[in-house]
N, C-alpha and C. Protein backbone atom coordinates (compact mmCIF):
# COMPACT_ATOMS: atom_id res chain seq x y z
N UNK A 1 100.06 191.33 12.12
CA UNK A 1 100.24 191.01 13.52
C UNK A 1 101.01 189.76 13.69
N UNK A 2 100.75 188.70 12.89
CA UNK A 2 101.45 187.47 12.99
C UNK A 2 102.91 187.57 12.59
N UNK A 3 103.20 188.48 11.63
CA UNK A 3 104.57 188.72 11.13
C UNK A 3 105.37 189.33 12.27
N UNK A 4 104.81 190.28 13.01
CA UNK A 4 105.49 190.91 14.14
C UNK A 4 105.81 189.95 15.25
N UNK A 5 104.87 189.12 15.58
CA UNK A 5 105.07 188.09 16.62
C UNK A 5 106.14 187.10 16.23
N UNK A 6 106.15 186.70 14.93
CA UNK A 6 107.18 185.76 14.41
C UNK A 6 108.58 186.35 14.52
N UNK A 7 108.68 187.68 14.17
CA UNK A 7 110.00 188.31 14.23
C UNK A 7 110.47 188.42 15.72
N UNK A 8 109.57 188.75 16.59
CA UNK A 8 109.90 188.84 17.96
C UNK A 8 110.39 187.48 18.57
N UNK A 9 109.73 186.42 18.12
CA UNK A 9 110.10 185.12 18.58
C UNK A 9 111.41 184.74 18.06
N UNK A 10 111.76 185.05 16.85
CA UNK A 10 113.09 184.82 16.26
C UNK A 10 114.13 185.48 17.01
N UNK A 11 113.89 186.76 17.41
CA UNK A 11 114.90 187.51 18.05
C UNK A 11 115.19 186.96 19.50
N UNK A 12 114.17 186.31 20.10
CA UNK A 12 114.26 185.76 21.43
C UNK A 12 115.11 184.51 21.49
N UNK A 13 115.20 183.75 20.32
CA UNK A 13 115.92 182.54 20.29
C UNK A 13 117.40 182.71 20.21
N UNK A 14 118.04 183.06 21.35
CA UNK A 14 119.44 183.25 21.45
C UNK A 14 119.96 182.61 22.68
N UNK A 15 121.22 182.85 23.05
CA UNK A 15 121.78 182.17 24.21
C UNK A 15 121.03 182.47 25.54
N UNK A 16 120.52 183.74 25.64
CA UNK A 16 119.82 184.06 26.86
C UNK A 16 118.51 183.24 26.98
N UNK A 17 117.83 183.05 25.80
CA UNK A 17 116.62 182.26 25.77
C UNK A 17 116.92 180.85 26.24
N UNK A 18 117.94 180.22 25.65
CA UNK A 18 118.23 178.83 25.97
C UNK A 18 118.72 178.66 27.41
N UNK A 19 119.52 179.63 27.87
CA UNK A 19 120.01 179.57 29.28
C UNK A 19 118.85 179.67 30.25
N UNK A 20 117.89 180.54 29.91
CA UNK A 20 116.73 180.64 30.82
C UNK A 20 115.87 179.39 30.70
N UNK A 21 115.68 178.85 29.49
CA UNK A 21 114.89 177.65 29.36
C UNK A 21 115.52 176.44 30.04
N UNK A 22 116.85 176.35 30.05
CA UNK A 22 117.51 175.23 30.64
C UNK A 22 117.99 175.50 32.05
N UNK A 23 117.62 176.69 32.56
CA UNK A 23 117.95 177.09 33.97
C UNK A 23 119.49 177.04 34.17
N UNK A 24 120.19 177.72 33.22
CA UNK A 24 121.67 177.76 33.33
C UNK A 24 122.08 179.19 33.65
N UNK A 25 123.19 179.33 34.38
CA UNK A 25 123.79 180.71 34.50
C UNK A 25 124.60 180.87 33.24
N UNK A 26 124.22 181.85 32.43
CA UNK A 26 124.73 182.01 31.08
C UNK A 26 126.19 182.59 31.19
N UNK A 27 127.16 181.74 30.90
CA UNK A 27 128.64 182.17 30.95
C UNK A 27 129.06 182.55 29.53
N UNK A 28 129.40 183.75 29.36
CA UNK A 28 129.76 184.29 28.06
C UNK A 28 131.19 184.78 28.01
N UNK A 29 132.06 184.06 28.72
CA UNK A 29 133.48 184.34 28.71
C UNK A 29 134.21 183.00 28.63
N UNK A 30 135.41 183.05 28.12
CA UNK A 30 136.28 181.83 27.98
C UNK A 30 136.79 181.45 29.45
N UNK A 31 136.77 180.18 29.67
CA UNK A 31 137.28 179.59 30.93
C UNK A 31 138.28 178.46 30.65
N UNK A 32 139.04 178.12 31.70
CA UNK A 32 139.96 177.05 31.62
C UNK A 32 139.52 175.93 32.53
N UNK A 33 139.41 174.71 32.01
CA UNK A 33 139.01 173.56 32.82
C UNK A 33 140.22 172.63 32.96
N UNK A 34 140.45 172.18 34.16
CA UNK A 34 141.50 171.21 34.37
C UNK A 34 140.91 169.80 34.53
N UNK A 35 141.35 168.86 33.61
CA UNK A 35 140.94 167.52 33.68
C UNK A 35 142.07 166.74 34.41
N UNK A 36 141.70 166.04 35.47
CA UNK A 36 142.62 165.24 36.21
C UNK A 36 142.16 163.77 35.87
N UNK A 37 143.03 163.00 35.18
CA UNK A 37 142.67 161.71 34.73
C UNK A 37 143.70 160.63 35.30
N UNK A 38 143.31 159.40 35.07
CA UNK A 38 144.24 158.27 35.49
C UNK A 38 145.50 158.23 34.70
N UNK A 39 145.60 159.01 33.57
CA UNK A 39 146.85 159.04 32.77
C UNK A 39 147.61 160.32 33.01
N UNK A 40 147.03 161.31 33.79
CA UNK A 40 147.69 162.50 33.99
C UNK A 40 146.71 163.64 33.80
N UNK A 41 147.13 164.88 33.83
CA UNK A 41 146.27 166.09 33.75
C UNK A 41 146.48 166.83 32.40
N UNK A 42 145.34 167.49 32.00
CA UNK A 42 145.43 168.41 30.87
C UNK A 42 144.46 169.54 31.05
N UNK A 43 144.70 170.64 30.41
CA UNK A 43 143.93 171.86 30.54
C UNK A 43 143.12 172.15 29.26
N UNK A 44 141.91 172.48 29.37
CA UNK A 44 141.11 172.82 28.22
C UNK A 44 140.53 174.20 28.26
N UNK A 45 140.77 174.97 27.22
CA UNK A 45 140.12 176.27 27.11
C UNK A 45 138.70 176.09 26.58
N UNK A 46 137.74 176.58 27.41
CA UNK A 46 136.31 176.51 27.04
C UNK A 46 135.90 177.74 26.36
N UNK A 47 135.24 177.61 25.19
CA UNK A 47 134.91 178.81 24.35
C UNK A 47 133.52 179.39 24.80
N UNK A 48 133.52 180.01 25.98
CA UNK A 48 132.30 180.61 26.45
C UNK A 48 131.85 181.75 25.64
N UNK A 49 132.76 182.46 24.96
CA UNK A 49 132.37 183.60 24.08
C UNK A 49 131.66 183.16 22.89
N UNK A 50 132.03 181.98 22.31
CA UNK A 50 131.44 181.59 21.11
C UNK A 50 130.25 180.57 21.38
N UNK A 51 130.33 179.78 22.41
CA UNK A 51 129.37 178.77 22.69
C UNK A 51 128.87 178.86 24.13
N UNK A 52 128.19 179.96 24.47
CA UNK A 52 127.80 180.16 25.91
C UNK A 52 126.86 179.14 26.47
N UNK A 53 125.95 178.60 25.69
CA UNK A 53 124.97 177.66 26.25
C UNK A 53 125.70 176.31 26.55
N UNK A 54 126.47 175.83 25.52
CA UNK A 54 127.17 174.58 25.72
C UNK A 54 128.17 174.68 26.84
N UNK A 55 128.92 175.78 26.94
CA UNK A 55 129.89 175.89 28.04
C UNK A 55 129.18 176.04 29.36
N UNK A 56 128.16 176.76 29.41
CA UNK A 56 127.39 176.98 30.69
C UNK A 56 126.84 175.61 31.11
N UNK A 57 126.30 174.84 30.29
CA UNK A 57 125.88 173.50 30.63
C UNK A 57 127.00 172.58 31.13
N UNK A 58 128.13 172.65 30.45
CA UNK A 58 129.26 171.84 30.80
C UNK A 58 129.85 172.29 32.20
N UNK A 59 129.86 173.55 32.45
CA UNK A 59 130.32 173.96 33.79
C UNK A 59 129.39 173.62 34.89
N UNK A 60 128.05 173.58 34.58
CA UNK A 60 127.12 173.16 35.54
C UNK A 60 127.34 171.68 35.92
N UNK A 61 127.68 170.90 34.86
CA UNK A 61 127.93 169.44 35.08
C UNK A 61 129.17 169.37 35.97
N UNK A 62 130.20 170.16 35.72
CA UNK A 62 131.41 170.13 36.50
C UNK A 62 131.08 170.49 37.97
N UNK A 63 130.33 171.55 38.14
CA UNK A 63 129.89 171.97 39.51
C UNK A 63 129.12 170.90 40.21
N UNK A 64 128.31 170.15 39.46
CA UNK A 64 127.60 169.00 40.04
C UNK A 64 128.38 167.73 40.23
N UNK A 65 129.64 167.79 39.88
CA UNK A 65 130.57 166.65 40.02
C UNK A 65 130.16 165.36 39.31
N UNK A 66 129.45 165.49 38.21
CA UNK A 66 128.98 164.28 37.48
C UNK A 66 130.09 163.59 36.68
N UNK A 67 131.20 164.28 36.46
CA UNK A 67 132.26 163.58 35.73
C UNK A 67 133.31 162.92 36.69
N UNK A 68 133.19 163.11 37.94
CA UNK A 68 134.14 162.45 38.82
C UNK A 68 134.07 160.95 38.75
N UNK A 69 135.21 160.33 38.71
CA UNK A 69 135.31 158.87 38.62
C UNK A 69 134.52 158.21 37.48
N UNK A 70 134.39 158.92 36.39
CA UNK A 70 133.69 158.44 35.19
C UNK A 70 134.75 157.92 34.22
N UNK A 71 134.52 156.76 33.65
CA UNK A 71 135.45 156.14 32.68
C UNK A 71 135.29 156.86 31.33
N UNK A 72 136.29 156.83 30.56
CA UNK A 72 136.26 157.21 29.15
C UNK A 72 135.60 155.97 28.45
N UNK A 73 134.32 156.09 28.15
CA UNK A 73 133.52 154.86 27.82
C UNK A 73 133.71 154.38 26.38
N UNK A 74 134.30 155.15 25.50
CA UNK A 74 134.55 154.71 24.16
C UNK A 74 135.77 155.39 23.58
N UNK A 75 136.67 154.53 23.01
CA UNK A 75 137.88 155.02 22.29
C UNK A 75 137.86 154.48 20.88
N UNK A 76 137.97 155.39 19.89
CA UNK A 76 138.01 154.98 18.48
C UNK A 76 139.38 155.33 17.93
N UNK A 77 140.09 154.37 17.48
CA UNK A 77 141.44 154.57 16.93
C UNK A 77 141.41 154.44 15.44
N UNK A 78 142.03 155.42 14.73
CA UNK A 78 142.30 155.31 13.31
C UNK A 78 143.85 155.55 13.19
N UNK A 79 144.36 155.35 11.99
CA UNK A 79 145.82 155.55 11.79
C UNK A 79 146.31 156.93 12.17
N UNK A 80 145.52 157.98 11.80
CA UNK A 80 145.98 159.36 12.08
C UNK A 80 145.04 160.10 12.99
N UNK A 81 144.12 159.46 13.57
CA UNK A 81 143.08 160.11 14.38
C UNK A 81 142.59 159.23 15.50
N UNK A 82 142.28 159.87 16.59
CA UNK A 82 141.74 159.17 17.79
C UNK A 82 140.55 159.91 18.35
N UNK A 83 139.45 159.18 18.61
CA UNK A 83 138.31 159.84 19.28
C UNK A 83 138.29 159.32 20.76
N UNK A 84 138.18 160.17 21.71
CA UNK A 84 138.12 159.78 23.14
C UNK A 84 136.77 160.30 23.64
N UNK A 85 135.91 159.36 24.00
CA UNK A 85 134.56 159.73 24.48
C UNK A 85 134.47 159.69 26.05
N UNK A 86 133.87 160.68 26.59
CA UNK A 86 133.72 160.70 28.04
C UNK A 86 132.36 161.28 28.39
N UNK A 87 132.09 161.39 29.72
CA UNK A 87 130.78 161.87 30.14
C UNK A 87 129.96 160.75 30.69
N UNK A 88 128.62 161.07 30.73
CA UNK A 88 127.69 160.13 31.38
C UNK A 88 126.78 159.54 30.37
N UNK A 89 126.71 158.25 30.33
CA UNK A 89 125.77 157.40 29.52
C UNK A 89 124.48 157.39 30.31
N UNK A 90 123.39 158.00 29.78
CA UNK A 90 122.13 158.06 30.50
C UNK A 90 121.38 156.71 30.59
N UNK A 91 121.95 155.67 29.94
CA UNK A 91 121.41 154.38 30.07
C UNK A 91 121.94 153.70 31.28
N UNK A 92 122.85 154.39 31.99
CA UNK A 92 123.43 153.86 33.25
C UNK A 92 122.46 154.20 34.36
N UNK A 93 121.64 153.23 34.73
CA UNK A 93 120.54 153.51 35.72
C UNK A 93 121.16 153.84 37.12
N UNK A 94 122.36 153.31 37.40
CA UNK A 94 122.96 153.68 38.66
C UNK A 94 123.21 155.15 38.78
N UNK A 95 123.74 155.72 37.68
CA UNK A 95 124.04 157.17 37.68
C UNK A 95 122.69 157.97 37.87
N UNK A 96 121.67 157.52 37.10
CA UNK A 96 120.38 158.28 37.14
C UNK A 96 119.80 158.23 38.53
N UNK A 97 119.85 157.04 39.17
CA UNK A 97 119.32 156.95 40.52
C UNK A 97 120.14 157.77 41.44
N UNK A 98 121.41 157.86 41.33
CA UNK A 98 122.32 158.62 42.23
C UNK A 98 122.20 160.04 42.08
N UNK A 99 121.73 160.51 40.88
CA UNK A 99 121.74 161.95 40.60
C UNK A 99 120.38 162.45 40.14
N UNK A 100 119.31 161.93 40.74
CA UNK A 100 118.01 162.39 40.41
C UNK A 100 117.78 163.83 40.71
N UNK A 101 118.54 164.41 41.67
CA UNK A 101 118.39 165.79 42.00
C UNK A 101 118.75 166.72 40.85
N UNK A 102 119.51 166.26 39.87
CA UNK A 102 119.78 167.11 38.72
C UNK A 102 118.52 167.48 37.92
N UNK A 103 117.63 166.46 37.90
CA UNK A 103 116.31 166.72 37.27
C UNK A 103 116.34 167.37 35.91
N UNK A 104 117.28 166.81 35.03
CA UNK A 104 117.42 167.39 33.73
C UNK A 104 116.38 167.01 32.71
N UNK A 105 115.63 165.92 33.01
CA UNK A 105 114.63 165.54 32.05
C UNK A 105 115.34 164.92 30.83
N UNK A 106 114.80 165.26 29.61
CA UNK A 106 115.46 164.80 28.39
C UNK A 106 116.91 165.36 28.31
N UNK A 107 117.88 164.42 28.26
CA UNK A 107 119.24 164.87 28.32
C UNK A 107 119.79 165.42 27.00
N UNK A 108 119.37 166.65 26.69
CA UNK A 108 119.81 167.23 25.37
C UNK A 108 119.86 168.75 25.55
N UNK A 109 120.75 169.41 24.78
CA UNK A 109 120.82 170.86 24.63
C UNK A 109 120.86 171.16 23.19
N UNK A 110 120.58 172.39 22.75
CA UNK A 110 120.57 172.68 21.35
C UNK A 110 121.99 172.63 20.70
N UNK A 111 122.09 172.13 19.44
CA UNK A 111 123.27 172.27 18.69
C UNK A 111 123.63 173.74 18.58
N UNK A 112 124.89 174.10 18.87
CA UNK A 112 125.33 175.53 18.93
C UNK A 112 126.61 175.74 18.15
N UNK A 113 126.51 176.46 17.10
CA UNK A 113 127.76 176.71 16.26
C UNK A 113 127.85 178.23 16.03
N UNK A 114 129.08 178.63 15.86
CA UNK A 114 129.35 180.12 15.68
C UNK A 114 130.07 180.32 14.44
N UNK A 115 129.69 181.38 13.63
CA UNK A 115 130.33 181.80 12.43
C UNK A 115 131.29 183.01 12.77
N UNK A 116 132.36 183.14 12.04
CA UNK A 116 133.43 184.10 12.33
C UNK A 116 132.88 185.56 12.36
N UNK A 117 132.10 185.91 11.39
CA UNK A 117 131.69 187.33 11.26
C UNK A 117 130.28 187.63 11.87
N UNK A 118 129.76 186.70 12.63
CA UNK A 118 128.53 186.88 13.26
C UNK A 118 128.71 187.11 14.76
N UNK A 119 127.89 187.96 15.33
CA UNK A 119 128.05 188.24 16.76
C UNK A 119 127.54 187.13 17.65
N UNK A 120 126.42 186.55 17.26
CA UNK A 120 125.78 185.51 18.07
C UNK A 120 125.90 184.12 17.42
N UNK A 121 125.95 183.04 18.27
CA UNK A 121 125.89 181.70 17.68
C UNK A 121 124.60 181.33 17.09
N UNK A 122 124.57 180.34 16.25
CA UNK A 122 123.28 179.83 15.69
C UNK A 122 122.90 178.56 16.47
N UNK A 123 121.62 178.39 16.57
CA UNK A 123 121.12 177.18 17.32
C UNK A 123 120.31 176.27 16.39
N UNK A 124 120.57 175.00 16.62
CA UNK A 124 119.89 173.95 15.81
C UNK A 124 119.98 174.16 14.35
N UNK A 125 121.14 174.72 13.95
CA UNK A 125 121.38 175.01 12.54
C UNK A 125 122.36 174.00 11.87
N UNK A 126 122.01 173.42 10.85
CA UNK A 126 122.94 172.45 10.20
C UNK A 126 123.50 173.14 8.96
N UNK A 127 124.83 173.01 8.78
CA UNK A 127 125.50 173.58 7.59
C UNK A 127 124.96 172.97 6.33
N UNK A 128 124.63 173.80 5.40
CA UNK A 128 124.00 173.33 4.13
C UNK A 128 125.03 173.10 2.96
N UNK A 129 126.13 173.86 3.04
CA UNK A 129 127.07 173.74 1.90
C UNK A 129 128.48 173.64 2.50
N UNK A 130 129.42 172.95 1.86
CA UNK A 130 130.81 172.91 2.32
C UNK A 130 131.44 174.26 2.54
N UNK A 131 131.09 175.25 1.70
CA UNK A 131 131.68 176.56 1.76
C UNK A 131 131.39 177.26 3.15
N UNK A 132 130.24 176.88 3.75
CA UNK A 132 129.92 177.49 5.07
C UNK A 132 130.89 177.10 6.11
N UNK A 133 131.46 175.85 6.03
CA UNK A 133 132.40 175.41 7.07
C UNK A 133 133.63 176.30 7.10
N UNK A 134 133.99 176.94 5.99
CA UNK A 134 135.17 177.78 5.92
C UNK A 134 134.98 179.01 6.81
N UNK A 135 133.78 179.32 7.19
CA UNK A 135 133.52 180.57 7.98
C UNK A 135 133.19 180.24 9.42
N UNK A 136 133.39 179.01 9.82
CA UNK A 136 133.13 178.67 11.24
C UNK A 136 134.17 179.31 12.16
N UNK A 137 133.72 179.69 13.37
CA UNK A 137 134.68 180.22 14.34
C UNK A 137 135.58 179.11 14.91
N UNK A 138 135.00 177.91 15.00
CA UNK A 138 135.81 176.81 15.57
C UNK A 138 135.63 175.57 14.75
N UNK A 139 136.77 174.92 14.44
CA UNK A 139 136.70 173.65 13.72
C UNK A 139 137.46 172.65 14.46
N UNK A 140 137.33 171.34 14.03
CA UNK A 140 138.04 170.26 14.69
C UNK A 140 139.52 170.24 14.42
N UNK A 141 140.31 170.40 15.49
CA UNK A 141 141.72 170.41 15.49
C UNK A 141 142.23 169.42 16.54
N UNK A 142 143.54 169.33 16.66
CA UNK A 142 144.15 168.52 17.69
C UNK A 142 143.73 169.02 19.01
N UNK A 143 143.03 168.16 19.83
CA UNK A 143 142.64 168.48 21.16
C UNK A 143 141.26 169.15 21.32
N UNK A 144 140.54 169.24 20.20
CA UNK A 144 139.22 169.86 20.24
C UNK A 144 138.27 168.95 21.06
N UNK A 145 137.35 169.63 21.77
CA UNK A 145 136.30 168.85 22.48
C UNK A 145 134.95 169.32 21.97
N UNK A 146 134.02 168.37 21.84
CA UNK A 146 132.75 168.71 21.32
C UNK A 146 131.69 167.78 22.03
N UNK A 147 130.44 168.28 21.98
CA UNK A 147 129.39 167.45 22.63
C UNK A 147 128.93 166.38 21.63
N UNK A 148 128.65 165.17 22.18
CA UNK A 148 128.01 164.11 21.35
C UNK A 148 126.68 164.57 20.88
N UNK A 149 126.24 164.19 19.73
CA UNK A 149 124.88 164.47 19.24
C UNK A 149 123.86 163.61 19.91
N UNK A 150 122.72 164.11 20.15
CA UNK A 150 121.57 163.33 20.72
C UNK A 150 120.43 163.33 19.81
N UNK A 151 120.58 163.99 18.62
CA UNK A 151 119.54 164.05 17.59
C UNK A 151 120.10 164.88 16.52
N UNK A 152 119.35 165.13 15.49
CA UNK A 152 119.70 165.93 14.34
C UNK A 152 120.17 167.30 14.65
N UNK A 153 119.44 167.96 15.58
CA UNK A 153 119.76 169.34 15.86
C UNK A 153 120.07 169.58 17.35
N UNK A 154 120.35 168.51 18.08
CA UNK A 154 120.62 168.61 19.49
C UNK A 154 121.88 167.89 19.93
N UNK A 155 122.44 168.36 21.04
CA UNK A 155 123.61 167.75 21.60
C UNK A 155 123.20 167.06 22.96
N UNK A 156 123.99 166.05 23.34
CA UNK A 156 123.78 165.47 24.62
C UNK A 156 124.11 166.54 25.68
N UNK A 157 123.47 166.46 26.81
CA UNK A 157 123.82 167.42 27.83
C UNK A 157 124.99 167.00 28.72
N UNK A 158 125.44 165.79 28.55
CA UNK A 158 126.56 165.31 29.37
C UNK A 158 127.69 164.62 28.63
N UNK A 159 127.40 163.97 27.54
CA UNK A 159 128.48 163.23 26.79
C UNK A 159 129.24 164.11 25.82
N UNK A 160 130.54 163.96 25.89
CA UNK A 160 131.48 164.73 25.06
C UNK A 160 132.50 163.82 24.36
N UNK A 161 133.31 164.40 23.45
CA UNK A 161 134.40 163.66 22.89
C UNK A 161 135.52 164.60 22.53
N UNK A 162 136.73 164.08 22.60
CA UNK A 162 137.92 164.76 22.13
C UNK A 162 138.43 164.16 20.84
N UNK A 163 139.10 164.90 20.02
CA UNK A 163 139.79 164.38 18.79
C UNK A 163 141.28 164.78 18.89
N UNK A 164 142.10 163.95 18.34
CA UNK A 164 143.58 164.15 18.41
C UNK A 164 144.08 164.74 17.16
N UNK A 165 143.25 165.06 16.17
CA UNK A 165 143.74 165.67 14.92
C UNK A 165 142.59 166.38 14.24
N UNK A 166 142.95 167.03 13.19
CA UNK A 166 141.89 167.72 12.39
C UNK A 166 140.95 166.68 11.72
N UNK A 167 139.65 167.03 11.62
CA UNK A 167 138.75 166.17 10.95
C UNK A 167 137.63 167.11 10.37
N UNK A 168 137.96 167.69 9.24
CA UNK A 168 137.03 168.73 8.61
C UNK A 168 135.65 168.07 8.23
N UNK A 169 135.63 166.76 8.04
CA UNK A 169 134.31 166.17 7.65
C UNK A 169 133.24 166.35 8.75
N UNK A 170 133.69 166.64 9.97
CA UNK A 170 132.69 166.79 11.04
C UNK A 170 132.43 168.28 11.43
N UNK A 171 133.16 169.18 10.75
CA UNK A 171 133.03 170.63 11.10
C UNK A 171 131.55 171.04 10.81
N UNK A 172 131.01 171.78 11.82
CA UNK A 172 129.64 172.27 11.69
C UNK A 172 128.57 171.28 12.04
N UNK A 173 128.96 170.08 12.30
CA UNK A 173 127.96 169.02 12.68
C UNK A 173 127.81 168.81 14.18
N UNK A 174 128.79 169.26 14.93
CA UNK A 174 128.84 169.16 16.39
C UNK A 174 129.18 170.47 17.02
N UNK A 175 128.81 170.62 18.27
CA UNK A 175 129.10 171.83 19.03
C UNK A 175 130.52 171.72 19.55
N UNK A 176 131.50 172.32 18.92
CA UNK A 176 132.90 172.36 19.33
C UNK A 176 132.96 173.51 20.37
N UNK A 177 133.26 173.23 21.67
CA UNK A 177 133.20 174.24 22.71
C UNK A 177 134.47 174.41 23.43
N UNK A 178 135.58 173.80 22.92
CA UNK A 178 136.85 174.00 23.64
C UNK A 178 137.95 173.30 22.97
N UNK A 179 139.21 173.43 23.53
CA UNK A 179 140.38 172.86 22.94
C UNK A 179 141.45 172.68 24.02
N UNK A 180 142.14 171.57 24.05
CA UNK A 180 143.22 171.36 25.00
C UNK A 180 144.36 172.31 24.63
N UNK A 181 144.86 173.05 25.65
CA UNK A 181 145.92 174.02 25.50
C UNK A 181 147.16 173.60 26.18
N UNK A 182 147.05 172.60 27.00
CA UNK A 182 148.21 172.04 27.72
C UNK A 182 148.01 170.53 28.06
N UNK A 183 148.80 169.72 27.63
CA UNK A 183 148.71 168.32 27.98
C UNK A 183 148.08 167.38 26.92
N UNK A 184 148.18 167.78 25.69
CA UNK A 184 147.62 166.97 24.59
C UNK A 184 148.27 165.58 24.59
N UNK A 185 149.51 165.42 24.95
CA UNK A 185 150.16 164.15 25.01
C UNK A 185 149.42 163.18 25.95
N UNK A 186 148.83 163.74 27.01
CA UNK A 186 148.05 162.88 27.96
C UNK A 186 146.85 162.32 27.30
N UNK A 187 146.13 163.14 26.57
CA UNK A 187 144.93 162.70 25.84
C UNK A 187 145.25 161.58 24.97
N UNK A 188 146.38 161.68 24.23
CA UNK A 188 146.74 160.61 23.31
C UNK A 188 147.07 159.25 23.87
N UNK A 189 147.35 159.28 25.19
CA UNK A 189 147.63 158.03 25.93
C UNK A 189 146.40 157.38 26.47
N UNK A 190 145.29 158.06 26.50
CA UNK A 190 144.12 157.57 27.17
C UNK A 190 143.46 156.38 26.49
N UNK A 191 143.16 155.31 27.20
CA UNK A 191 142.49 154.11 26.66
C UNK A 191 141.20 153.86 27.37
N UNK A 192 140.49 152.84 27.01
CA UNK A 192 139.13 152.71 27.45
C UNK A 192 138.99 152.47 28.94
N UNK A 193 139.93 151.84 29.58
CA UNK A 193 139.81 151.65 31.01
C UNK A 193 140.24 152.83 31.87
N UNK A 194 140.76 153.86 31.20
CA UNK A 194 141.20 155.08 31.96
C UNK A 194 139.92 155.85 32.38
N UNK A 195 140.12 156.73 33.31
CA UNK A 195 138.93 157.46 33.84
C UNK A 195 139.25 158.88 34.24
N UNK A 196 138.23 159.66 34.44
CA UNK A 196 138.37 161.04 34.91
C UNK A 196 138.27 161.02 36.42
N UNK A 197 139.32 161.52 37.07
CA UNK A 197 139.25 161.68 38.55
C UNK A 197 138.45 162.84 38.97
N UNK A 198 138.69 163.97 38.23
CA UNK A 198 138.01 165.22 38.58
C UNK A 198 138.16 166.19 37.41
N UNK A 199 137.19 167.08 37.28
CA UNK A 199 137.30 168.21 36.41
C UNK A 199 136.93 169.48 37.23
N UNK A 200 137.73 170.48 37.09
CA UNK A 200 137.46 171.71 37.84
C UNK A 200 137.81 172.93 37.03
N UNK A 201 137.15 174.03 37.28
CA UNK A 201 137.38 175.33 36.64
C UNK A 201 138.48 176.03 37.33
N UNK A 202 139.49 176.47 36.59
CA UNK A 202 140.65 177.16 37.20
C UNK A 202 140.26 178.69 37.34
N UNK A 203 140.59 179.30 38.44
CA UNK A 203 140.32 180.71 38.60
C UNK A 203 141.69 181.45 38.56
N UNK A 204 141.69 182.53 37.81
CA UNK A 204 142.94 183.29 37.71
C UNK A 204 142.70 184.68 38.23
């Protein structure tokens, strides 16, 4: 009896389970997000087919306008690579007071990664061997966007970062949920004092 219950529970832990738990409209198709920033605009393809929970959460944030007028709060520059961090720092009490209606509680969502030959993504799963990274559906490339980690197996519900080049050392450790498809040059110009004017989903 216990074995049957355990198997049923395992089958329930999928994108539908987490969307219901997090009260998200589960979006399972790719979308295009337009980022309007102080340095210019760029378009991001969101991987809803591979990362439905992460993308659904991100789109909810967009619909709630939480990224409007938010600064890129951290920029990390290396000789061949740049990290551009954006989103909401939950230590910012002004933001929390202004947006209590979101009522998100603990600001985290499950780590979500997808393997090429698997139908569904895996949740709270950490890659155990380097060879597993070769089978990931999405890896860090120029313009990739991923959620910041909020724990070993969880992602922040609001904070994200872009990378300007490949960084295989991080593959499988973060939820990569999109990639810039137009305007990568704008991302490369962004500095710490720059900010997001608006993010919106484009309808075609």
